[in-house]
Amino acid sequence: MQELRTENAKYRDRAKNADALAQRLHAALVEKTGKLADPTDLPFDAEHLDDADALTEAIDALLEAKPHLKSRRITGDVGQGATSGNGGGVDLAGLLRSAAG
């Protein structure tokens, strides 16, 4: 009797592990699309693991209902970071020289 309980406990642990792995895979598939800012915003559905079209449709439906969940990517020059050359900016040293002279 104890052997059966031990064996059942092992199977329950394996099932929990499989569920956790399936949820991680689901989040990774959602993240791979790049459509959602947070891949965990789409609720887990085992159907999405096997059917890429169902996953895409679910994401699109979620974004239509809640557009604020969409991933936003900044492109172009946002005025930060290293730039090549002066870019026509203000030359502080030049202004100080002209004011002193």
N, C-alpha and C. Protein backbone atom coordinates (compact mmCIF):
# COMPACT_ATOMS: atom_id res chain seq x y z
N MET A 1 0.82 -1.19 0.00
CA MET A 1 0.00 0.00 0.00
C MET A 1 0.87 1.26 0.00
N GLN A 2 1.92 1.24 0.81
CA GLN A 2 2.83 2.39 0.88
C GLN A 2 3.53 2.61 -0.46
N GLU A 3 3.84 1.50 -1.15
CA GLU A 3 4.50 1.61 -2.46
C GLU A 3 3.62 2.35 -3.45
N LEU A 4 2.33 2.07 -3.43
CA LEU A 4 1.40 2.76 -4.33
C LEU A 4 1.33 4.25 -4.02
N ARG A 5 1.34 4.60 -2.76
CA ARG A 5 1.30 6.01 -2.38
C ARG A 5 2.57 6.73 -2.83
N THR A 6 3.69 6.07 -2.67
CA THR A 6 4.97 6.65 -3.09
C THR A 6 4.99 6.83 -4.61
N GLU A 7 4.52 5.82 -5.31
CA GLU A 7 4.47 5.89 -6.77
C GLU A 7 3.53 7.00 -7.23
N ASN A 8 2.38 7.12 -6.59
CA ASN A 8 1.44 8.18 -6.93
C ASN A 8 2.04 9.56 -6.66
N ALA A 9 2.78 9.70 -5.59
CA ALA A 9 3.41 10.97 -5.26
C ALA A 9 4.41 11.35 -6.35
N LYS A 10 5.14 10.37 -6.86
CA LYS A 10 6.10 10.64 -7.94
C LYS A 10 5.37 11.14 -9.19
N TYR A 11 4.25 10.50 -9.51
CA TYR A 11 3.49 10.92 -10.69
C TYR A 11 2.90 12.31 -10.52
N ARG A 12 2.46 12.63 -9.32
CA ARG A 12 1.93 13.97 -9.07
C ARG A 12 3.03 15.02 -9.22
N ASP A 13 4.23 14.70 -8.72
CA ASP A 13 5.36 15.62 -8.87
C ASP A 13 5.71 15.82 -10.34
N ARG A 14 5.69 14.75 -11.11
CA ARG A 14 5.98 14.86 -12.54
C ARG A 14 4.93 15.71 -13.25
N ALA A 15 3.68 15.54 -12.88
CA ALA A 15 2.60 16.32 -13.49
C ALA A 15 2.75 17.80 -13.15
N LYS A 16 3.12 18.12 -11.91
CA LYS A 16 3.33 19.52 -11.53
C LYS A 16 4.49 20.11 -12.32
N ASN A 17 5.54 19.32 -12.48
CA ASN A 17 6.71 19.78 -13.24
C ASN A 17 6.33 20.01 -14.70
N ALA A 18 5.54 19.12 -15.27
CA ALA A 18 5.11 19.26 -16.66
C ALA A 18 4.24 20.51 -16.83
N ASP A 19 3.38 20.78 -15.87
CA ASP A 19 2.54 21.98 -15.93
C ASP A 19 3.39 23.25 -15.88
N ALA A 20 4.39 23.25 -15.01
CA ALA A 20 5.26 24.42 -14.89
C ALA A 20 6.04 24.62 -16.18
N LEU A 21 6.53 23.55 -16.77
CA LEU A 21 7.27 23.66 -18.03
C LEU A 21 6.37 24.13 -19.17
N ALA A 22 5.13 23.67 -19.19
CA ALA A 22 4.19 24.09 -20.23
C ALA A 22 3.91 25.59 -20.10
N GLN A 23 3.78 26.08 -18.89
CA GLN A 23 3.53 27.52 -18.71
C GLN A 23 4.74 28.34 -19.11
N ARG A 24 5.94 27.84 -18.82
CA ARG A 24 7.16 28.55 -19.25
C ARG A 24 7.27 28.57 -20.76
N LEU A 25 6.93 27.45 -21.39
CA LEU A 25 6.96 27.39 -22.86
C LEU A 25 5.94 28.36 -23.45
N HIS A 26 4.77 28.43 -22.87
CA HIS A 26 3.73 29.35 -23.34
C HIS A 26 4.23 30.79 -23.27
N ALA A 27 4.82 31.17 -22.14
CA ALA A 27 5.34 32.53 -21.99
C ALA A 27 6.45 32.80 -23.01
N ALA A 28 7.30 31.80 -23.27
CA ALA A 28 8.38 31.98 -24.25
C ALA A 28 7.82 32.15 -25.66
N LEU A 29 6.79 31.40 -26.00
CA LEU A 29 6.18 31.52 -27.33
C LEU A 29 5.53 32.90 -27.50
N VAL A 30 4.87 33.38 -26.46
CA VAL A 30 4.25 34.70 -26.51
C VAL A 30 5.33 35.77 -26.64
N GLU A 31 6.40 35.63 -25.87
CA GLU A 31 7.49 36.61 -25.92
C GLU A 31 8.14 36.63 -27.30
N LYS A 32 8.24 35.48 -27.93
CA LYS A 32 8.87 35.38 -29.25
C LYS A 32 8.12 36.19 -30.30
N THR A 33 6.82 36.34 -30.14
CA THR A 33 6.04 37.13 -31.11
C THR A 33 6.40 38.60 -31.02
N GLY A 34 6.79 39.07 -29.84
CA GLY A 34 7.16 40.46 -29.66
C GLY A 34 5.98 41.42 -29.64
N LYS A 35 4.77 40.90 -29.57
CA LYS A 35 3.58 41.75 -29.62
C LYS A 35 3.17 42.30 -28.27
N LEU A 36 3.47 41.58 -27.20
CA LEU A 36 3.06 42.01 -25.86
C LEU A 36 4.26 42.50 -25.07
N ALA A 37 4.05 43.55 -24.28
CA ALA A 37 5.13 44.07 -23.43
C ALA A 37 5.48 43.05 -22.35
N ASP A 38 4.48 42.38 -21.81
CA ASP A 38 4.68 41.36 -20.78
C ASP A 38 4.01 40.07 -21.25
N PRO A 39 4.79 39.04 -21.56
CA PRO A 39 4.20 37.81 -22.09
C PRO A 39 3.25 37.11 -21.13
N THR A 40 3.32 37.43 -19.85
CA THR A 40 2.41 36.77 -18.91
C THR A 40 1.03 37.42 -18.90
N ASP A 41 0.83 38.47 -19.70
CA ASP A 41 -0.49 39.09 -19.79
C ASP A 41 -1.50 38.18 -20.49
N LEU A 42 -1.01 37.29 -21.35
CA LEU A 42 -1.91 36.36 -22.03
C LEU A 42 -2.07 35.13 -21.14
N PRO A 43 -3.29 34.82 -20.73
CA PRO A 43 -3.50 33.65 -19.87
C PRO A 43 -3.06 32.36 -20.56
N PHE A 44 -2.58 31.42 -19.76
CA PHE A 44 -2.11 30.14 -20.28
C PHE A 44 -3.27 29.36 -20.89
N ASP A 45 -3.00 28.80 -22.07
CA ASP A 45 -3.95 27.90 -22.72
C ASP A 45 -3.12 26.85 -23.43
N ALA A 46 -3.32 25.59 -23.09
CA ALA A 46 -2.53 24.50 -23.65
C ALA A 46 -2.68 24.41 -25.17
N GLU A 47 -3.80 24.89 -25.70
CA GLU A 47 -4.02 24.87 -27.15
C GLU A 47 -2.99 25.73 -27.88
N HIS A 48 -2.53 26.79 -27.24
CA HIS A 48 -1.56 27.69 -27.86
C HIS A 48 -0.21 27.02 -28.09
N LEU A 49 0.09 25.97 -27.33
CA LEU A 49 1.38 25.29 -27.47
C LEU A 49 1.47 24.52 -28.78
N ASP A 50 0.34 24.03 -29.27
CA ASP A 50 0.34 23.21 -30.48
C ASP A 50 -0.10 23.96 -31.72
N ASP A 51 -0.82 25.06 -31.55
CA ASP A 51 -1.40 25.77 -32.69
C ASP A 51 -0.94 27.23 -32.69
N ALA A 52 0.01 27.53 -33.56
CA ALA A 52 0.56 28.89 -33.63
C ALA A 52 -0.51 29.89 -34.07
N ASP A 53 -1.43 29.48 -34.91
CA ASP A 53 -2.50 30.38 -35.36
C ASP A 53 -3.42 30.75 -34.19
N ALA A 54 -3.72 29.78 -33.36
CA ALA A 54 -4.56 30.06 -32.19
C ALA A 54 -3.86 31.03 -31.24
N LEU A 55 -2.56 30.87 -31.10
CA LEU A 55 -1.79 31.77 -30.25
C LEU A 55 -1.84 33.19 -30.81
N THR A 56 -1.60 33.33 -32.10
CA THR A 56 -1.62 34.65 -32.73
C THR A 56 -3.01 35.29 -32.61
N GLU A 57 -4.04 34.51 -32.83
CA GLU A 57 -5.41 35.03 -32.72
C GLU A 57 -5.71 35.48 -31.29
N ALA A 58 -5.25 34.71 -30.31
CA ALA A 58 -5.49 35.06 -28.91
C ALA A 58 -4.76 36.36 -28.55
N ILE A 59 -3.53 36.51 -29.03
CA ILE A 59 -2.78 37.73 -28.76
C ILE A 59 -3.46 38.92 -29.43
N ASP A 60 -3.85 38.76 -30.69
CA ASP A 60 -4.52 39.85 -31.40
C ASP A 60 -5.83 40.25 -30.72
N ALA A 61 -6.60 39.25 -30.26
CA ALA A 61 -7.85 39.54 -29.57
C ALA A 61 -7.59 40.28 -28.26
N LEU A 62 -6.54 39.87 -27.54
CA LEU A 62 -6.20 40.54 -26.29
C LEU A 62 -5.78 41.98 -26.55
N LEU A 63 -4.99 42.20 -27.60
CA LEU A 63 -4.54 43.56 -27.92
C LEU A 63 -5.68 44.44 -28.40
N GLU A 64 -6.65 43.84 -29.06
CA GLU A 64 -7.81 44.62 -29.50
C GLU A 64 -8.63 45.06 -28.29
N ALA A 65 -8.75 44.18 -27.30
CA ALA A 65 -9.50 44.50 -26.10
C ALA A 65 -8.71 45.41 -25.16
N LYS A 66 -7.40 45.23 -25.13
CA LYS A 66 -6.56 45.99 -24.22
C LYS A 66 -5.30 46.48 -24.95
N PRO A 67 -5.42 47.53 -25.75
CA PRO A 67 -4.29 47.98 -26.56
C PRO A 67 -3.10 48.48 -25.75
N HIS A 68 -3.31 48.84 -24.48
CA HIS A 68 -2.20 49.31 -23.66
C HIS A 68 -1.19 48.21 -23.32
N LEU A 69 -1.52 46.96 -23.60
CA LEU A 69 -0.60 45.85 -23.33
C LEU A 69 0.41 45.63 -24.46
N LYS A 70 0.23 46.38 -25.55
CA LYS A 70 1.10 46.20 -26.71
C LYS A 70 2.55 46.58 -26.39
N SER A 71 3.45 45.85 -26.98
CA SER A 71 4.88 46.14 -26.82
C SER A 71 5.20 47.41 -27.58
N ARG A 72 5.97 48.28 -26.93
CA ARG A 72 6.35 49.53 -27.57
C ARG A 72 7.86 49.56 -27.71
N ARG A 73 8.29 49.85 -28.92
CA ARG A 73 9.72 49.92 -29.19
C ARG A 73 10.06 51.30 -29.72
N ILE A 74 11.00 51.93 -29.10
CA ILE A 74 11.43 53.25 -29.53
C ILE A 74 12.42 53.09 -30.67
N THR A 75 12.19 53.83 -31.73
CA THR A 75 13.10 53.79 -32.87
C THR A 75 13.56 55.19 -33.20
N GLY A 76 14.68 55.27 -33.85
CA GLY A 76 15.19 56.57 -34.25
C GLY A 76 15.98 57.23 -33.14
N ASP A 77 16.31 58.48 -33.34
CA ASP A 77 17.09 59.26 -32.39
C ASP A 77 16.16 59.83 -31.32
N VAL A 78 16.39 59.46 -30.09
CA VAL A 78 15.58 59.97 -28.99
C VAL A 78 16.34 61.00 -28.18
N GLY A 79 17.51 61.42 -28.66
CA GLY A 79 18.25 62.48 -28.01
C GLY A 79 19.11 62.01 -26.85
N GLN A 80 19.37 60.73 -26.78
CA GLN A 80 20.22 60.21 -25.72
C GLN A 80 21.28 59.31 -26.32
N GLY A 81 22.33 59.10 -25.56
CA GLY A 81 23.37 58.17 -25.97
C GLY A 81 24.44 58.85 -26.79
N ALA A 82 25.41 58.07 -27.19
CA ALA A 82 26.53 58.58 -27.97
C ALA A 82 26.08 58.95 -29.37
N THR A 83 26.58 60.06 -29.86
CA THR A 83 26.28 60.48 -31.23
C THR A 83 27.59 60.71 -31.96
N SER A 84 27.53 60.66 -33.24
CA SER A 84 28.74 60.91 -34.03
C SER A 84 28.82 62.39 -34.35
N GLY A 85 29.88 63.04 -33.93
CA GLY A 85 30.05 64.46 -34.23
C GLY A 85 29.26 65.34 -33.29
N ASN A 86 29.39 66.63 -33.51
CA ASN A 86 28.72 67.60 -32.66
C ASN A 86 27.24 67.70 -32.98
N GLY A 87 26.90 67.51 -34.23
CA GLY A 87 25.49 67.54 -34.63
C GLY A 87 24.89 68.92 -34.57
N GLY A 88 25.70 69.97 -34.62
CA GLY A 88 25.16 71.32 -34.62
C GLY A 88 24.70 71.78 -33.27
N GLY A 89 25.18 71.14 -32.21
CA GLY A 89 24.77 71.52 -30.87
C GLY A 89 25.51 72.75 -30.38
N VAL A 90 25.28 73.12 -29.16
CA VAL A 90 25.88 74.30 -28.55
C VAL A 90 27.32 73.98 -28.15
N ASP A 91 28.23 74.92 -28.46
CA ASP A 91 29.62 74.78 -28.07
C ASP A 91 29.86 75.69 -26.87
N LEU A 92 29.80 75.10 -25.67
CA LEU A 92 29.91 75.87 -24.44
C LEU A 92 31.27 76.57 -24.32
N ALA A 93 32.33 75.88 -24.70
CA ALA A 93 33.66 76.48 -24.63
C ALA A 93 33.74 77.68 -25.57
N GLY A 94 33.16 77.60 -26.74
CA GLY A 94 33.15 78.72 -27.68
C GLY A 94 32.38 79.91 -27.14
N LEU A 95 31.26 79.64 -26.49
CA LEU A 95 30.49 80.74 -25.90
C LEU A 95 31.25 81.43 -24.79
N LEU A 96 31.96 80.66 -23.98
CA LEU A 96 32.75 81.25 -22.90
C LEU A 96 33.90 82.09 -23.47
N ARG A 97 34.55 81.62 -24.53
CA ARG A 97 35.65 82.37 -25.15
C ARG A 97 35.14 83.69 -25.73
N SER A 98 34.00 83.65 -26.38
CA SER A 98 33.48 84.87 -27.01
C SER A 98 33.02 85.87 -25.94
N ALA A 99 32.50 85.39 -24.84
CA ALA A 99 32.06 86.28 -23.77
C ALA A 99 33.27 86.91 -23.04
N ALA A 100 34.37 86.16 -22.97
CA ALA A 100 35.55 86.66 -22.27
C ALA A 100 36.32 87.67 -23.12
N GLY A 101 36.21 87.60 -24.41
CA GLY A 101 37.02 88.45 -25.29
C GLY A 101 36.45 89.73 -25.65
